Amino acid sequence: MLMGGVPLFAASAAAQAEREIHTIGVGSLIGIVLLTWCAFRSLRPRVLVTLSMAVGLAAAVSVTHALFGGLHLITLVFGATLLGVAENYGSNYFCARMGLPRAARWDMLRRQWPIVSLAMLTTVIAYALIGIAPFPGLRQIAVFSSAGLLGAFVTVMLWFPWLDGEAAPPTRFGLWLGGLRARVPHAPLRRWASTLIIFTSMFILIGLYQLTRNDDIRQLQSAPAALIDQQREVGRVMGLPGVARFVLVEGESEEQLLTRDEAVVRALGALGVESQAVSQWLPSRQAQRDDAALIARRAAEINGALSTMLDETLPAPAAVASPLLPAPWLASPVSEPLRHQWLGRGADGAWRSAVLLRGGDAPLDAARLSAAIGQIPGAVWVDKVGEISALLGRYASLFGVMVVAGHLLVWLALMPRFGRRAWRALVPTSLATLLTLAVFGMAGVPVTLFHLLPLLILLGLGVDYGIFLLEQPGRREIQPFLSVSLAALSTLLAFGLLALSTTPALRAFGLTMLVGVTLAWWLTPLFMPADTDTGTDADAVTRPDQTNDPRGATAPTPPSSQGTP
C-alpha cells in the first residue's frame, strides 16, 4: 500500500516539532537549572533565575500571539533556546552580587545597569535583524525572542533587588569556573603571538577558500525519507502532475491561448516530458477542424472499402455540426479534473492557462526545458522550487553583507564607552565568526541562509562577553568571567541542542551557534588587557568596595571603608 498527500506531511511535521519542543525545551531547562545550582548552591538564585526565564517566555508568547494571532511550531521549537539567553541576565546579577551584603545590592545594580543594558540592546538588535527575511516563521522568531529577552531583563532589573536575600558564599564550582581566566598564560601567548596569527590566518584563508554554498530549498526537507519515497512513487504510478513546476501560457483570445497551449504540449513531448493541459481535452478550433477533416477522409476510405466488400453503398458519416467551445466544456462535468488549469481572462484582457508536468517531482533538465519553452510566444516556464532557492541565495548574500555591516555598527556603538579599547570587545567575536565559517569549509559543510542567520546572534552574544570583561578587566576577579562562562554555557545548552534537531534549518542554526559561541567564549579573555598593562584603566573600573581574597573570589571590605559607585 502506497500513501501520499499533504495531510501526511503536515502530521509528520507536527509530531516532529512536538517531540523537539519537549526534547530541546526540557533539556535546556534542566541543564540551566543544574548549572545555576552548581554555580550558586542556593535555592533562591535558582528560583529567581527560573522566574526570569518564565516571565520572559510568557511575555514572548503573549506579544507574538497578539501580533500574529497564533504561533508556528517552529517558533516554539526555536523559542526553547530563549531559555539559554534569558538566563544570562539573572546569572550576571547573582555573579555581581556574590560576596556583597544585601544592603549593597542597589549600588551594585546602579553599576551593572549600563553594562547589562548595553548587552541586552546588542542582543535584541541581533535577534530583530532576523525579521528582515520575508519568512513568517523567522519574523515570529524575531518578535518572540526580542520580547522574551526584554521580559527577562526587566524582571531581573526591577524584581530581583526586592526578592533577593543575603548573598550566598562562592561555591567550589563557581570559584573554579570564574578562576579559569586567571590561569590563561598571557606571557607564553605573547611569545608565540606571531606563530598563532600566521597559523590562524592560514586556517581561515584555506577554510574560506573551500567554503561552498547550497541554496536548494529541497535540502531543507525534513520529512521522513520513507514518506517522501512513497509520495514520489504515487506520483510516478498515477502520473500526477506537479504544482511546483509548470508552464504559464498566455493569449490574446481563447483560440490563440489553446493554440499556444498545444504548442507547449508538443514541445514538452519532444523533450520526453509528459504533461497535463486543457488543450488535450479542449482542442483549438483549428485542431478540431483538422481532426474533423481527417476523420472524414478516413471514414470515406473505410466506407469505400466496406461498400466494395458488401456490394452495398453505405451512407457517409455525419459531419460535426459545431466546434466545442470553452464555455460549454467548462460547464460540463468532464472538465472538472482540469478546470483549475483554465485561469480565464485577467484584468489586462489576456487569457491564461497552466500546463502541468506529470511524474511528480522527477528530475528535469530545467535549462533545456526553459530554452524550449522560451521559443513559444506567450509561454513562460515557472519553477517555484528554483525561484525559492534563488530567493534563499539572494538573502544569504544579503545577510552576509549585514553581518559585516553589523560588526562595523557595533564597533561604532562601543567607541563612546571604551574608546581605543573597543576593538578588544569586538575582535574575538569577529575572529570566532571567521573561524566558524572556516571550520565549515574544512569539514565540507555547505553553507545556507540558516548558517548565516545565527552569525548575527553570535555577534550580539559574543560582544556581550567582551563588554563584561572590559568593564572589569582584573584577571583575578572571578565574577566577570563566571558571569560570561555561565552565559556561554547556558547558550550552548540551548542552541547546542538545536544541532540535534531533525529539521535541517534548526540543525544548521544550532551547529553554527555551537561552534561560534564556544570560540567566542574562549577567545575573548585572550584579547583582554593583562593586569600589568591596564594601569589606571583597570583601577578605574575595579570596584572600590571589594578586595581580592586569596582564593581568587572578591570579598567585601568593612562597611566603614566602602566607597560610593
Protein backbone atom coordinates (compact mmCIF):
# COMPACT_ATOMS: atom_id res chain seq x y z
CA MET A 1 0.00 0.00 0.00
CA LEU A 2 1.36 3.41 -1.03
CA MET A 3 0.30 6.57 0.78
CA GLY A 4 0.77 10.19 -0.18
CA GLY A 5 -0.72 13.65 0.27
CA VAL A 6 -0.24 16.91 2.13
CA PRO A 7 -2.02 15.78 5.35
CA LEU A 8 0.57 13.05 5.91
CA PHE A 9 3.44 15.56 5.64
CA ALA A 10 1.63 18.04 7.90
CA ALA A 11 1.00 15.39 10.54
CA SER A 12 4.62 14.24 10.39
CA ALA A 13 5.93 17.81 10.76
CA ALA A 14 3.60 18.49 13.71
CA ALA A 15 4.63 15.32 15.53
CA GLN A 16 8.30 16.03 14.88
CA ALA A 17 8.03 19.61 16.16
CA GLU A 18 6.23 18.48 19.32
CA ARG A 19 8.93 15.92 20.05
CA GLU A 20 11.65 18.54 19.64
CA ILE A 21 9.81 21.04 21.83
CA HIS A 22 9.91 18.52 24.67
CA THR A 23 13.47 17.37 23.98
CA ILE A 24 15.10 20.77 23.46
CA GLY A 25 12.93 22.78 25.87
CA VAL A 26 13.05 20.34 28.77
CA GLY A 27 16.71 19.54 28.13
CA SER A 28 17.66 23.23 28.14
CA LEU A 29 15.67 23.94 31.30
CA ILE A 30 17.13 21.00 33.23
CA GLY A 31 20.67 21.82 32.12
CA ILE A 32 20.36 25.51 33.02
CA VAL A 33 18.83 24.78 36.43
CA LEU A 34 21.65 22.34 37.24
CA LEU A 35 24.22 24.86 36.05
CA THR A 36 22.73 27.58 38.27
CA TRP A 37 22.65 25.22 41.24
CA CYS A 38 26.30 24.25 40.80
CA ALA A 39 27.35 27.90 40.48
CA PHE A 40 25.45 29.31 43.47
CA ARG A 41 24.37 26.24 45.51
CA SER A 42 21.39 28.14 46.85
CA LEU A 43 17.68 27.76 46.31
CA ARG A 44 16.87 31.47 45.95
CA PRO A 45 19.10 32.20 42.90
CA ARG A 46 17.79 29.09 41.17
CA VAL A 47 14.16 30.06 41.81
CA LEU A 48 14.65 33.68 40.75
CA VAL A 49 16.56 32.79 37.58
CA THR A 50 13.79 30.33 36.69
CA LEU A 51 11.26 33.08 37.38
CA SER A 52 13.01 35.47 34.98
CA MET A 53 13.01 32.81 32.26
CA ALA A 54 9.31 32.04 32.88
CA VAL A 55 8.36 35.71 32.67
CA GLY A 56 10.43 36.09 29.50
CA LEU A 57 8.67 33.14 27.86
CA ALA A 58 5.26 34.40 28.97
CA ALA A 59 5.99 37.84 27.51
CA ALA A 60 7.26 36.27 24.29
CA VAL A 61 4.15 34.12 23.85
CA SER A 62 1.79 36.99 24.69
CA VAL A 63 3.37 39.56 22.36
CA THR A 64 3.75 37.09 19.48
CA HIS A 65 0.18 35.87 19.80
CA ALA A 66 -1.12 39.45 19.95
CA LEU A 67 0.76 40.47 16.79
CA PHE A 68 0.35 37.31 14.70
CA GLY A 69 -2.80 35.72 16.12
CA GLY A 70 -1.02 32.40 16.73
CA LEU A 71 2.36 30.70 16.96
CA HIS A 72 4.15 28.50 14.46
CA LEU A 73 5.51 25.24 15.83
CA ILE A 74 8.97 26.17 14.56
CA THR A 75 8.71 29.35 16.67
CA LEU A 76 8.07 27.26 19.77
CA VAL A 77 10.94 24.90 18.93
CA PHE A 78 13.32 27.81 18.39
CA GLY A 79 11.84 29.66 21.35
CA ALA A 80 13.03 26.88 23.62
CA THR A 81 16.55 28.23 23.02
CA LEU A 82 15.46 31.55 24.51
CA LEU A 83 15.93 29.94 27.92
CA GLY A 84 19.68 29.89 27.42
CA VAL A 85 19.88 33.60 26.63
CA ALA A 86 17.24 34.87 29.08
CA GLU A 87 19.11 33.12 31.89
CA ASN A 88 22.15 35.32 31.28
CA TYR A 89 20.72 38.39 33.00
CA GLY A 90 19.79 36.55 36.19
CA SER A 91 23.13 34.77 36.38
CA ASN A 92 25.00 38.05 35.81
CA TYR A 93 23.04 39.63 38.65
CA PHE A 94 23.97 36.93 41.13
CA CYS A 95 27.58 36.82 39.95
CA ALA A 96 27.91 40.56 40.56
CA ARG A 97 26.07 40.12 43.86
CA MET A 98 28.42 37.39 45.07
CA GLY A 99 30.23 38.33 48.29
CA LEU A 100 28.29 41.58 48.84
CA PRO A 101 25.93 42.25 51.75
CA ARG A 102 22.24 42.66 50.98
CA ALA A 103 22.37 46.41 51.63
CA ALA A 104 24.87 46.88 48.78
CA ARG A 105 22.60 45.43 46.10
CA TRP A 106 21.31 48.84 44.96
CA ASP A 107 24.82 50.23 44.47
CA MET A 108 25.75 47.08 42.58
CA LEU A 109 22.65 47.42 40.42
CA ARG A 110 23.50 51.01 39.51
CA ARG A 111 26.94 49.89 38.39
CA GLN A 112 25.57 46.96 36.42
CA TRP A 113 22.68 48.82 34.76
CA PRO A 114 24.66 50.43 31.87
CA ILE A 115 26.63 47.23 31.27
CA VAL A 116 23.65 44.88 31.18
CA SER A 117 21.53 47.39 29.25
CA LEU A 118 24.16 47.68 26.51
CA ALA A 119 24.50 43.89 26.37
CA MET A 120 20.72 43.43 26.20
CA LEU A 121 20.40 46.05 23.47
CA THR A 122 23.00 44.44 21.21
CA THR A 123 21.38 41.02 21.63
CA VAL A 124 17.86 42.29 20.91
CA ILE A 125 19.11 44.11 17.80
CA ALA A 126 20.74 40.90 16.60
CA TYR A 127 17.51 38.94 17.07
CA ALA A 128 15.44 41.70 15.46
CA LEU A 129 17.60 41.63 12.33
CA ILE A 130 16.39 38.07 11.70
CA GLY A 131 12.94 39.53 10.99
CA ILE A 132 14.22 41.18 7.81
CA ALA A 133 13.90 37.88 5.97
CA PRO A 134 10.49 37.59 4.22
CA PHE A 135 9.52 34.39 6.01
CA PRO A 136 6.63 34.44 8.52
CA GLY A 137 8.34 31.87 10.74
CA LEU A 138 11.55 33.91 11.01
CA ARG A 139 9.61 37.09 11.71
CA GLN A 140 7.75 35.35 14.50
CA ILE A 141 11.05 34.09 15.90
CA ALA A 142 12.46 37.64 15.84
CA VAL A 143 9.45 39.05 17.73
CA PHE A 144 9.29 36.07 20.10
CA SER A 145 12.97 36.29 21.05
CA SER A 146 13.12 40.08 21.36
CA ALA A 147 10.02 40.23 23.56
CA GLY A 148 11.27 37.34 25.70
CA LEU A 149 14.67 38.94 26.30
CA LEU A 150 13.07 42.26 27.24
CA GLY A 151 10.74 40.49 29.67
CA ALA A 152 13.61 38.62 31.33
CA PHE A 153 15.74 41.79 31.50
CA VAL A 154 13.00 43.87 33.13
CA THR A 155 12.30 41.07 35.61
CA VAL A 156 15.93 40.96 36.72
CA MET A 157 16.36 44.72 36.95
CA LEU A 158 13.07 45.52 38.72
CA TRP A 159 12.14 42.38 40.68
CA PHE A 160 15.40 40.80 41.77
CA PRO A 161 16.51 43.58 44.17
CA TRP A 162 13.24 43.22 46.08
CA LEU A 163 13.13 39.43 46.06
CA ASP A 164 16.84 38.98 46.76
CA GLY A 165 18.16 37.80 50.12
CA GLU A 166 21.61 37.52 51.61
CA ALA A 167 24.27 36.62 49.07
CA ALA A 168 25.39 33.02 49.14
CA PRO A 169 29.13 32.39 49.58
CA PRO A 170 31.11 31.41 46.47
CA THR A 171 30.86 27.72 45.65
CA ARG A 172 33.74 25.47 44.72
CA PHE A 173 32.41 25.19 41.15
CA GLY A 174 31.96 28.96 40.90
CA LEU A 175 35.49 29.61 42.16
CA TRP A 176 36.92 27.10 39.68
CA LEU A 177 34.92 28.33 36.68
CA GLY A 178 35.44 32.02 37.41
CA GLY A 179 39.13 31.48 38.12
CA LEU A 180 39.87 29.88 34.75
CA ARG A 181 40.59 33.29 33.27
CA ALA A 182 43.42 33.87 35.71
CA ARG A 183 45.02 30.61 34.55
CA VAL A 184 45.35 31.80 30.93
CA PRO A 185 49.11 32.29 30.43
CA HIS A 186 49.45 35.71 28.77
CA ALA A 187 53.23 35.73 28.56
CA PRO A 188 53.62 32.49 26.53
CA LEU A 189 50.82 33.66 24.26
CA ARG A 190 52.66 36.87 23.57
CA ARG A 191 55.84 34.95 22.87
CA TRP A 192 54.06 32.80 20.30
CA ALA A 193 51.76 35.56 19.04
CA SER A 194 53.32 35.72 15.57
CA THR A 195 53.09 31.96 15.09
CA LEU A 196 49.46 31.87 16.29
CA ILE A 197 48.50 34.74 13.99
CA ILE A 198 50.09 33.07 10.97
CA PHE A 199 48.56 29.67 11.73
CA THR A 200 45.09 31.14 12.38
CA SER A 201 45.24 33.27 9.22
CA MET A 202 46.21 30.29 7.10
CA PHE A 203 43.42 28.18 8.59
CA ILE A 204 40.84 30.91 7.91
CA LEU A 205 42.03 31.52 4.35
CA ILE A 206 42.11 27.81 3.46
CA GLY A 207 38.73 27.18 5.12
CA LEU A 208 37.04 30.15 3.42
CA TYR A 209 38.53 29.12 0.06
CA GLN A 210 36.96 25.65 0.43
CA LEU A 211 33.63 27.04 1.70
CA THR A 212 30.65 26.30 -0.56
CA ARG A 213 27.03 27.40 -0.60
CA ASN A 214 23.91 25.37 -1.26
CA ASP A 215 20.68 27.36 -1.57
CA ASP A 216 18.50 24.50 -2.84
CA ILE A 217 15.25 24.63 -0.88
CA ARG A 218 14.93 20.86 -1.18
CA GLN A 219 17.90 20.49 1.17
CA LEU A 220 15.65 21.85 3.93
CA GLN A 221 13.19 18.96 3.54
CA SER A 222 12.82 17.28 6.91
CA ALA A 223 10.00 14.79 6.22
CA PRO A 224 10.82 11.10 6.77
CA ALA A 225 12.57 9.55 3.78
CA ALA A 226 10.02 6.71 3.61
CA LEU A 227 7.17 9.22 3.29
CA ILE A 228 8.98 11.15 0.55
CA ASP A 229 9.72 7.95 -1.37
CA GLN A 230 6.09 6.88 -1.18
CA GLN A 231 4.89 10.28 -2.39
CA ARG A 232 7.24 10.09 -5.38
CA GLU A 233 6.12 6.57 -6.21
CA VAL A 234 2.46 7.57 -6.00
CA GLY A 235 3.13 10.47 -8.36
CA ARG A 236 5.01 8.22 -10.77
CA VAL A 237 2.42 5.42 -10.82
CA MET A 238 -0.59 7.68 -11.11
CA GLY A 239 1.11 10.22 -13.35
CA LEU A 240 0.09 13.03 -11.02
CA PRO A 241 1.04 16.50 -12.21
CA GLY A 242 3.27 18.61 -10.01
CA VAL A 243 2.32 22.12 -8.94
CA ALA A 244 5.77 23.48 -8.16
CA ARG A 245 6.91 23.49 -11.82
CA PHE A 246 4.60 24.35 -14.72
CA VAL A 247 4.25 26.38 -17.91
CA LEU A 248 2.13 29.53 -17.86
CA VAL A 249 0.52 30.14 -21.29
CA GLU A 250 -0.96 33.46 -22.35
CA GLY A 251 -3.01 34.53 -25.40
CA GLU A 252 -4.99 37.49 -26.64
CA SER A 253 -8.04 35.27 -27.30
CA GLU A 254 -9.30 31.87 -26.30
CA GLU A 255 -8.35 30.45 -29.69
CA GLN A 256 -4.80 31.81 -29.53
CA LEU A 257 -4.43 30.53 -25.96
CA LEU A 258 -5.46 27.00 -26.95
CA THR A 259 -3.15 27.07 -30.00
CA ARG A 260 -0.16 28.04 -27.86
CA ASP A 261 -1.21 25.50 -25.23
CA GLU A 262 -0.98 22.79 -27.89
CA ALA A 263 2.45 24.05 -28.97
CA VAL A 264 3.70 23.74 -25.38
CA VAL A 265 2.41 20.15 -25.15
CA ARG A 266 4.25 19.26 -28.37
CA ALA A 267 7.48 20.90 -27.12
CA LEU A 268 7.31 19.01 -23.83
CA GLY A 269 6.64 15.76 -25.65
CA ALA A 270 9.71 16.31 -27.83
CA LEU A 271 11.76 16.50 -24.62
CA GLY A 272 10.19 13.30 -23.27
CA VAL A 273 8.18 15.12 -20.61
CA GLU A 274 4.56 14.08 -20.02
CA SER A 275 2.13 16.92 -19.44
CA GLN A 276 -1.46 17.65 -18.50
CA ALA A 277 -3.07 20.51 -20.42
CA VAL A 278 -6.51 21.89 -21.15
CA SER A 279 -5.86 21.63 -24.89
CA GLN A 280 -5.65 17.85 -24.57
CA TRP A 281 -9.36 17.86 -23.69
CA LEU A 282 -10.40 21.09 -25.38
CA PRO A 283 -8.53 21.42 -28.71
CA SER A 284 -8.38 24.70 -30.56
CA ARG A 285 -10.91 25.27 -33.36
CA GLN A 286 -8.21 24.78 -35.97
CA ALA A 287 -7.24 21.46 -34.38
CA GLN A 288 -10.89 20.42 -34.29
CA ARG A 289 -11.30 21.27 -38.00
CA ASP A 290 -8.14 19.33 -38.86
CA ASP A 291 -9.37 16.37 -36.82
CA ALA A 292 -12.80 16.52 -38.47
CA ALA A 293 -11.23 16.59 -41.93
CA LEU A 294 -9.00 13.63 -41.05
CA ILE A 295 -12.00 11.69 -39.73
CA ALA A 296 -13.95 12.47 -42.90
CA ARG A 297 -11.11 11.20 -45.12
CA ARG A 298 -10.62 8.04 -43.08
CA ALA A 299 -14.39 7.42 -42.96
CA ALA A 300 -14.68 7.83 -46.73
CA GLU A 301 -11.84 5.34 -47.25
CA ILE A 302 -13.42 2.84 -44.84
CA ASN A 303 -16.86 3.31 -46.35
CA GLY A 304 -15.48 2.71 -49.85
CA ALA A 305 -13.74 -0.49 -48.75
CA LEU A 306 -16.83 -1.74 -46.88
CA SER A 307 -19.12 -0.88 -49.82
CA THR A 308 -16.91 -2.96 -52.14
CA MET A 309 -16.82 -5.88 -49.71
CA LEU A 310 -20.55 -5.80 -49.01
CA ASP A 311 -21.52 -4.78 -52.53
CA GLU A 312 -23.72 -2.14 -50.94
CA THR A 313 -23.48 1.64 -50.80
CA LEU A 314 -23.09 2.88 -47.20
CA PRO A 315 -24.13 6.40 -46.10
CA ALA A 316 -21.37 8.95 -45.42
CA PRO A 317 -20.78 9.75 -41.71
CA ALA A 318 -22.42 12.91 -40.42
CA ALA A 319 -20.19 15.95 -40.09
CA VAL A 320 -19.76 17.73 -36.74
CA ALA A 321 -22.38 20.43 -36.57
CA SER A 322 -20.35 22.95 -34.45
CA PRO A 323 -16.95 23.08 -32.70
CA LEU A 324 -16.52 22.51 -28.98
CA LEU A 325 -16.06 25.90 -27.24
CA PRO A 326 -14.52 26.69 -23.83
CA ALA A 327 -17.75 27.84 -22.13
CA PRO A 328 -19.76 24.62 -22.75
CA TRP A 329 -16.73 22.48 -21.93
CA LEU A 330 -16.13 24.28 -18.61
CA ALA A 331 -19.80 23.87 -17.72
CA SER A 332 -19.74 20.11 -18.31
CA PRO A 333 -18.70 17.61 -15.58
CA VAL A 334 -15.93 16.21 -17.78
CA SER A 335 -13.88 19.41 -17.31
CA GLU A 336 -13.70 19.12 -13.52
CA PRO A 337 -10.20 17.50 -13.32
CA LEU A 338 -8.64 20.29 -15.41
CA ARG A 339 -10.92 23.19 -14.66
CA HIS A 340 -8.39 24.75 -12.25
CA GLN A 341 -5.81 24.92 -15.05
CA TRP A 342 -8.03 27.24 -17.11
CA LEU A 343 -7.16 30.58 -15.48
CA GLY A 344 -9.50 32.55 -17.70
CA ARG A 345 -9.35 36.20 -18.63
CA GLY A 346 -7.32 38.55 -16.47
CA ALA A 347 -7.81 42.23 -15.67
CA ASP A 348 -5.44 43.08 -18.54
CA GLY A 349 -7.70 41.32 -21.05
CA ALA A 350 -5.31 38.38 -21.67
CA TRP A 351 -6.39 34.74 -21.43
CA ARG A 352 -4.21 32.34 -19.47
CA SER A 353 -3.90 28.64 -18.67
CA ALA A 354 -1.36 26.40 -16.94
CA VAL A 355 0.28 23.29 -18.38
CA LEU A 356 1.29 20.94 -15.55
CA LEU A 357 4.02 18.30 -15.69
CA ARG A 358 3.24 14.70 -14.85
CA GLY A 359 5.50 12.42 -12.85
CA GLY A 360 5.64 14.24 -9.52
CA ASP A 361 9.00 15.89 -8.87
CA ALA A 362 11.06 13.75 -11.24
CA PRO A 363 14.43 15.26 -12.21
CA LEU A 364 14.29 17.61 -15.18
CA ASP A 365 16.81 19.43 -17.32
CA ALA A 366 15.43 22.82 -16.31
CA ALA A 367 17.80 24.81 -18.54
CA ARG A 368 16.94 22.83 -21.69
CA LEU A 369 13.23 22.86 -20.88
CA SER A 370 13.22 26.61 -20.22
CA ALA A 371 15.02 27.24 -23.51
CA ALA A 372 12.48 25.17 -25.47
CA ILE A 373 9.51 26.85 -23.81
CA GLY A 374 11.05 30.27 -24.35
CA GLN A 375 10.75 29.84 -28.13
CA ILE A 376 6.94 29.66 -27.91
CA PRO A 377 5.23 33.08 -27.85
CA GLY A 378 3.24 33.70 -24.68
CA ALA A 379 4.70 30.69 -22.82
CA VAL A 380 6.71 31.09 -19.61
CA TRP A 381 8.46 28.32 -17.66
CA VAL A 382 7.70 28.66 -13.93
CA ASP A 383 9.90 26.80 -11.44
CA LYS A 384 8.79 27.68 -7.90
CA VAL A 385 11.48 25.45 -6.38
CA GLY A 386 14.15 27.28 -8.37
CA GLU A 387 12.64 30.67 -7.54
CA ILE A 388 12.58 29.99 -3.80
CA SER A 389 16.11 28.60 -3.94
CA ALA A 390 17.24 31.74 -5.79
CA LEU A 391 15.45 33.84 -3.14
CA LEU A 392 17.30 32.00 -0.38
CA GLY A 393 20.54 32.64 -2.25
CA ARG A 394 19.84 36.36 -2.53
CA TYR A 395 19.00 36.64 1.14
CA ALA A 396 22.05 34.60 2.08
CA SER A 397 24.18 37.16 0.24
CA LEU A 398 22.25 39.99 1.90
CA PHE A 399 22.76 38.56 5.37
CA GLY A 400 26.45 38.07 4.63
CA VAL A 401 26.71 41.80 3.95
CA MET A 402 24.62 42.53 7.04
CA VAL A 403 26.98 40.51 9.23
CA VAL A 404 29.88 42.65 8.03
CA ALA A 405 27.86 45.85 8.45
CA GLY A 406 26.74 44.70 11.89
CA HIS A 407 30.32 44.35 13.08
CA LEU A 408 31.08 47.90 11.91
CA LEU A 409 27.97 49.30 13.62
CA VAL A 410 28.73 47.50 16.87
CA TRP A 411 32.28 48.86 16.82
CA LEU A 412 30.90 52.40 16.41
CA ALA A 413 28.48 51.77 19.29
CA LEU A 414 31.32 50.61 21.56
CA MET A 415 33.61 53.54 20.77
CA PRO A 416 31.88 56.13 23.01
CA ARG A 417 32.21 53.89 26.08
CA PHE A 418 35.53 52.14 25.52
CA GLY A 419 37.40 54.42 23.12
CA ARG A 420 40.54 52.84 21.70
CA ARG A 421 39.88 49.65 23.69
CA ALA A 422 36.62 48.95 21.80
CA TRP A 423 38.40 46.56 19.42
CA ARG A 424 39.12 44.22 22.33
CA ALA A 425 35.38 43.58 22.80
CA LEU A 426 34.66 43.10 19.08
CA VAL A 427 37.66 41.31 17.54
CA PRO A 428 37.16 38.00 19.44
CA THR A 429 33.62 37.69 18.03
CA SER A 430 34.76 38.69 14.54
CA LEU A 431 37.50 36.10 14.71
CA ALA A 432 35.05 33.47 16.01
CA THR A 433 32.76 34.23 13.05
CA LEU A 434 35.56 33.73 10.51
CA LEU A 435 36.80 30.59 12.26
CA THR A 436 33.27 29.11 12.31
CA LEU A 437 32.94 29.58 8.55
CA ALA A 438 36.43 28.19 8.07
CA VAL A 439 35.51 25.09 10.10
CA PHE A 440 32.52 24.52 7.84
CA GLY A 441 34.76 24.90 4.80
CA MET A 442 37.31 22.43 6.15
CA ALA A 443 34.56 19.95 7.10
CA GLY A 444 32.91 20.24 3.68
CA VAL A 445 29.60 21.53 5.11
CA PRO A 446 27.75 23.65 2.51
CA VAL A 447 26.63 26.97 3.96
CA THR A 448 22.97 28.01 3.67
CA LEU A 449 20.95 31.03 4.78
CA PHE A 450 20.36 29.27 8.10
CA HIS A 451 24.11 29.08 8.73
CA LEU A 452 24.44 32.84 8.21
CA LEU A 453 21.43 33.97 10.27
CA PRO A 454 22.90 32.85 13.61
CA LEU A 455 26.07 34.84 12.90
CA LEU A 456 24.04 37.96 13.74
CA ILE A 457 23.04 36.45 17.09
CA LEU A 458 26.63 35.36 17.65
CA LEU A 459 27.63 38.99 17.16
CA GLY A 460 25.19 40.16 19.83
CA LEU A 461 26.14 37.46 22.34
CA GLY A 462 29.89 37.46 21.70
CA VAL A 463 30.22 41.22 22.09
CA ASP A 464 28.42 40.90 25.44
CA TYR A 465 31.29 38.75 26.69
CA GLY A 466 33.78 41.43 25.67
CA ILE A 467 31.70 44.17 27.31
CA PHE A 468 31.52 42.35 30.66
CA LEU A 469 35.25 41.57 30.71
CA LEU A 470 36.33 45.05 29.58
CA GLU A 471 34.24 46.65 32.32
CA GLN A 472 36.13 44.57 34.90
CA PRO A 473 39.49 43.69 33.37
CA GLY A 474 41.06 42.28 36.53
CA ARG A 475 42.10 38.73 35.68
CA ARG A 476 41.87 37.55 39.29
CA GLU A 477 38.28 38.67 39.85
CA ILE A 478 36.04 35.65 39.45
CA GLN A 479 32.71 37.48 38.96
CA PRO A 480 33.21 38.79 35.39
CA PHE A 481 34.44 35.55 33.84
CA LEU A 482 32.00 33.48 35.93
CA SER A 483 29.15 35.57 34.52
CA VAL A 484 30.49 35.21 30.95
CA SER A 485 31.03 31.47 31.38
CA LEU A 486 27.55 30.87 32.76
CA ALA A 487 26.10 32.89 29.87
CA ALA A 488 28.11 30.92 27.30
CA LEU A 489 27.29 27.54 28.85
CA SER A 490 23.59 28.39 29.02
CA THR A 491 23.61 29.47 25.38
CA LEU A 492 25.38 26.27 24.42
CA LEU A 493 22.82 24.21 26.32
CA ALA A 494 20.03 25.94 24.42
CA PHE A 495 21.43 26.41 20.93
CA GLY A 496 23.69 23.38 21.13
CA LEU A 497 20.66 21.12 21.49
CA LEU A 498 19.31 22.59 18.24
CA ALA A 499 22.17 20.82 16.49
CA LEU A 500 20.35 17.58 17.38
CA SER A 501 17.16 18.70 15.64
CA THR A 502 15.94 16.71 12.65
CA THR A 503 14.78 19.95 10.99
CA PRO A 504 17.68 20.96 8.70
CA ALA A 505 17.21 24.71 9.22
CA LEU A 506 17.26 24.41 13.03
CA ARG A 507 20.16 21.96 12.90
CA ALA A 508 22.23 24.41 10.81
CA PHE A 509 21.32 27.20 13.24
CA GLY A 510 22.35 25.16 16.27
CA LEU A 511 25.58 23.90 14.74
CA THR A 512 26.69 27.43 13.88
CA MET A 513 25.95 28.69 17.39
CA LEU A 514 27.62 25.66 18.98
CA VAL A 515 30.91 26.33 17.20
CA GLY A 516 30.72 30.14 17.24
CA VAL A 517 29.80 30.64 20.91
CA THR A 518 32.46 28.18 22.06
CA LEU A 519 35.12 30.06 20.11
CA ALA A 520 33.93 33.50 21.26
CA TRP A 521 33.85 32.32 24.88
CA TRP A 522 37.48 31.23 24.89
CA LEU A 523 38.90 33.84 22.54
CA THR A 524 37.54 36.86 24.42
CA PRO A 525 39.82 36.55 27.52
CA LEU A 526 42.87 36.34 25.24
CA PHE A 527 42.16 39.83 23.90
CA MET A 528 41.64 41.45 27.28
CA PRO A 529 44.46 43.61 28.67
CA ALA A 530 46.72 41.95 31.21
CA ASP A 531 46.67 43.35 34.75
CA THR A 532 50.13 44.79 34.32
CA ASP A 533 49.06 46.62 31.17
CA THR A 534 45.78 48.11 32.32
CA GLY A 535 47.29 50.64 34.68
CA THR A 536 44.79 53.21 35.78
CA ASP A 537 42.18 51.80 33.40
CA ALA A 538 41.91 48.65 35.48
CA ASP A 539 41.85 50.62 38.69
CA ALA A 540 39.16 52.91 37.36
CA VAL A 541 36.72 50.09 36.73
CA THR A 542 37.58 47.87 39.70
CA ARG A 543 35.03 48.06 42.48
CA PRO A 544 36.20 50.33 45.28
CA ASP A 545 34.22 48.30 47.77
CA GLN A 546 35.95 44.96 47.13
CA THR A 547 39.31 43.33 47.62
CA ASN A 548 40.53 40.00 46.34
CA ASP A 549 40.68 37.12 48.74
CA PRO A 550 43.46 34.52 48.45
CA ARG A 551 41.18 32.08 46.60
CA GLY A 552 40.51 34.50 43.75
CA ALA A 553 36.99 35.46 44.92
CA THR A 554 36.09 39.03 45.77
CA ALA A 555 35.15 39.72 49.34
CA PRO A 556 33.53 42.90 50.69
CA THR A 557 35.55 45.32 52.74
CA PRO A 558 34.25 46.56 56.06
CA PRO A 559 31.30 48.97 55.74
CA SER A 560 33.32 51.92 57.02
CA SER A 561 35.75 51.72 54.12
CA GLN A 562 33.23 51.13 51.34
CA GLY A 563 33.25 53.73 48.62
CA THR A 564 30.40 55.04 46.55
CA PRO A 565 29.91 53.96 42.94
